[in-house]
Protein backbone atom coordinates (compact mmCIF):
# COMPACT_ATOMS: atom_id res chain seq x y z
CA MET A 1 -0.06 0.04 0.00
CA ASN A 2 1.54 3.44 -1.02
CA LYS A 3 2.15 5.98 1.87
CA LYS A 4 3.05 9.56 2.19
CA CYS A 5 6.01 9.69 4.02
CA LEU A 6 7.89 12.55 5.40
CA VAL A 7 11.39 11.99 6.22
CA THR A 8 13.11 14.86 8.54
CA GLY A 9 16.78 15.17 7.67
CA GLY A 10 16.22 13.41 4.23
CA ALA A 11 19.24 15.05 2.59
CA GLY A 12 21.74 13.43 5.15
CA PHE A 13 23.34 9.93 4.97
CA ILE A 14 20.85 8.09 6.54
CA GLY A 15 17.62 9.90 5.23
CA THR A 16 19.10 9.54 1.74
CA ASN A 17 18.95 5.85 2.08
CA LEU A 18 15.70 5.68 3.78
CA ILE A 19 14.47 7.77 1.16
CA LYS A 20 15.64 5.38 -1.52
CA ARG A 21 14.41 2.49 -0.11
CA LEU A 22 10.73 4.38 0.43
CA LEU A 23 10.91 5.43 -3.32
CA LYS A 24 11.68 1.77 -4.19
CA ASP A 25 8.85 0.60 -2.43
CA LYS A 26 6.76 2.99 -4.39
CA HIS A 27 5.52 5.21 -1.75
CA THR A 28 5.17 9.25 -1.95
CA VAL A 29 7.92 10.79 -0.21
CA PHE A 30 8.96 14.22 1.18
CA SER A 31 11.99 15.38 2.72
CA PHE A 32 12.49 18.43 5.25
CA ASP A 33 16.10 19.42 5.54
CA ASN A 34 17.90 22.77 6.33
CA TYR A 35 20.80 21.42 4.27
CA ILE A 36 23.09 22.20 7.59
CA ILE A 37 24.62 18.76 7.67
CA GLY A 38 22.49 17.29 4.71
CA SER A 39 23.66 17.90 0.84
CA LYS A 40 21.81 18.58 -2.22
CA GLU A 41 23.84 16.32 -3.94
CA ASN A 42 21.54 13.36 -2.39
CA HIS A 43 18.50 14.23 -3.77
CA GLN A 44 16.58 11.46 -5.01
CA ASN A 45 14.43 11.54 -8.10
CA GLY A 46 11.05 11.14 -7.21
CA CYS A 47 11.11 12.88 -3.70
CA GLU A 48 10.07 16.51 -3.01
CA TYR A 49 12.58 18.28 -0.96
CA ILE A 50 11.59 21.19 0.97
CA ASP A 51 14.27 23.47 2.56
CA ILE A 52 12.74 24.15 5.96
CA ASP A 53 14.26 23.95 9.49
CA ILE A 54 12.35 21.71 11.86
CA ARG A 55 13.24 24.42 14.66
CA GLN A 56 10.70 26.44 12.62
CA ASN A 57 6.89 26.80 14.10
CA ILE A 58 4.47 23.74 12.89
CA GLU A 59 1.80 26.30 11.70
CA ASN A 60 4.56 26.81 8.71
CA TRP A 61 4.39 23.23 7.96
CA PHE A 62 1.98 22.88 5.14
CA LEU A 63 1.95 18.94 3.99
CA LYS A 64 -1.45 17.25 4.44
CA ASN A 65 -2.11 13.70 4.79
CA ILE A 66 1.02 12.39 5.83
CA ASP A 67 0.89 8.73 6.88
CA VAL A 68 4.20 8.47 8.64
CA ILE A 69 7.01 10.54 9.84
CA PHE A 70 10.51 9.25 9.97
CA HIS A 71 12.19 11.81 12.19
CA LEU A 72 16.40 11.44 11.38
CA ALA A 73 16.93 15.21 11.63
CA ALA A 74 19.77 16.22 14.13
CA LEU A 75 22.56 17.94 14.59
CA PRO A 76 24.79 14.81 14.83
CA ARG A 77 27.95 13.68 16.63
CA ILE A 78 29.32 14.14 20.11
CA GLY A 79 32.55 16.28 19.01
CA PRO A 80 31.05 19.44 17.71
CA SER A 81 28.10 19.27 20.32
CA PHE A 82 30.73 20.40 22.97
CA ASP A 83 31.10 23.24 20.69
CA ASN A 84 27.56 24.12 20.03
CA PRO A 85 25.76 22.77 23.15
CA ILE A 86 22.66 25.52 22.66
CA GLU A 87 22.11 24.94 18.76
CA THR A 88 22.37 21.29 19.78
CA LEU A 89 19.64 21.48 22.24
CA GLU A 90 17.61 23.75 19.98
CA VAL A 91 17.60 21.09 16.99
CA ASN A 92 17.48 17.92 18.45
CA VAL A 93 15.10 18.74 21.59
CA ASN A 94 13.04 21.72 20.42
CA GLY A 95 13.13 20.50 16.65
CA THR A 96 11.86 16.99 18.05
CA ILE A 97 8.88 18.75 19.98
CA ASN A 98 8.23 20.57 16.70
CA VAL A 99 7.98 17.24 14.93
CA LEU A 100 5.91 15.69 17.53
CA GLU A 101 3.48 18.61 17.84
CA TYR A 102 2.74 18.26 14.18
CA ALA A 103 2.52 14.57 14.40
CA SER A 104 0.03 14.69 17.31
CA LYS A 105 -2.38 17.68 15.47
CA ASN A 106 -2.55 15.43 12.56
CA ASN A 107 -2.47 11.85 14.08
CA ILE A 108 0.35 10.99 12.33
CA PRO A 109 2.84 8.22 13.81
CA VAL A 110 6.65 8.90 14.03
CA ILE A 111 9.48 6.83 14.15
CA TYR A 112 12.18 8.22 15.79
CA ALA A 113 15.81 7.87 15.02
CA GLY A 114 17.78 7.49 18.58
CA SER A 115 21.54 7.01 19.05
CA SER A 116 23.74 4.17 20.35
CA SER A 117 25.43 7.23 22.05
CA PHE A 118 22.78 6.76 24.81
CA TRP A 119 24.44 3.62 25.99
CA GLY A 120 27.85 5.61 26.70
CA GLY A 121 25.90 7.53 29.38
CA THR A 122 23.00 10.45 28.58
CA HIS A 123 25.10 13.13 30.59
CA LYS A 124 28.33 12.46 28.87
CA ASN A 125 27.80 15.23 26.42
CA PRO A 126 25.08 17.58 24.90
CA TYR A 127 24.52 15.40 21.68
CA THR A 128 23.86 12.13 23.78
CA PHE A 129 21.84 14.03 26.18
CA THR A 130 19.73 15.68 23.48
CA LYS A 131 19.18 12.26 21.56
CA TRP A 132 18.10 10.94 25.26
CA GLN A 133 15.74 13.61 25.53
CA GLY A 134 14.21 13.24 22.05
CA GLU A 135 13.33 9.50 22.89
CA GLU A 136 11.91 10.77 26.21
CA LEU A 137 9.88 13.33 24.62
CA CYS A 138 8.43 10.42 21.94
CA LYS A 139 7.17 8.42 25.17
CA LEU A 140 5.92 11.32 26.52
CA TYR A 141 3.74 12.40 23.57
CA GLU A 142 2.97 8.74 23.07
CA GLN A 143 1.29 8.27 26.84
CA ILE A 144 -0.30 11.42 26.40
CA TYR A 145 -1.40 12.02 22.75
CA GLY A 146 -1.51 8.40 21.56
């Protein structure tokens, strides 16, 4: 069955490979990316790419009838998070809240990409902490909003 899929961070490495698979499986695919990490060179024919930052307010998001959101967008890597903890928090936590709000208001399931760095300790660096917070936010929204 063809689904309308939104991939946040779709121009990054993992997002690009997910989009390839979704397109191969004949799904309709949209990507949100602000191209801080991702690259337009990763664009796949058949996917509609939208240059948007997940930190933006959800009222600015205009997609309708999305069946599933694959939330991959994040500022990755431990090292850079030490130099930019505020931006890492803004993108990885506040951005995730925006995705979850959008999903909640539109009754869309979210598949969240966590991080294996979590197992090294949540309070060791800003990146791991923010990815753990994202997982906790997903649990919160699931429990409260289904």
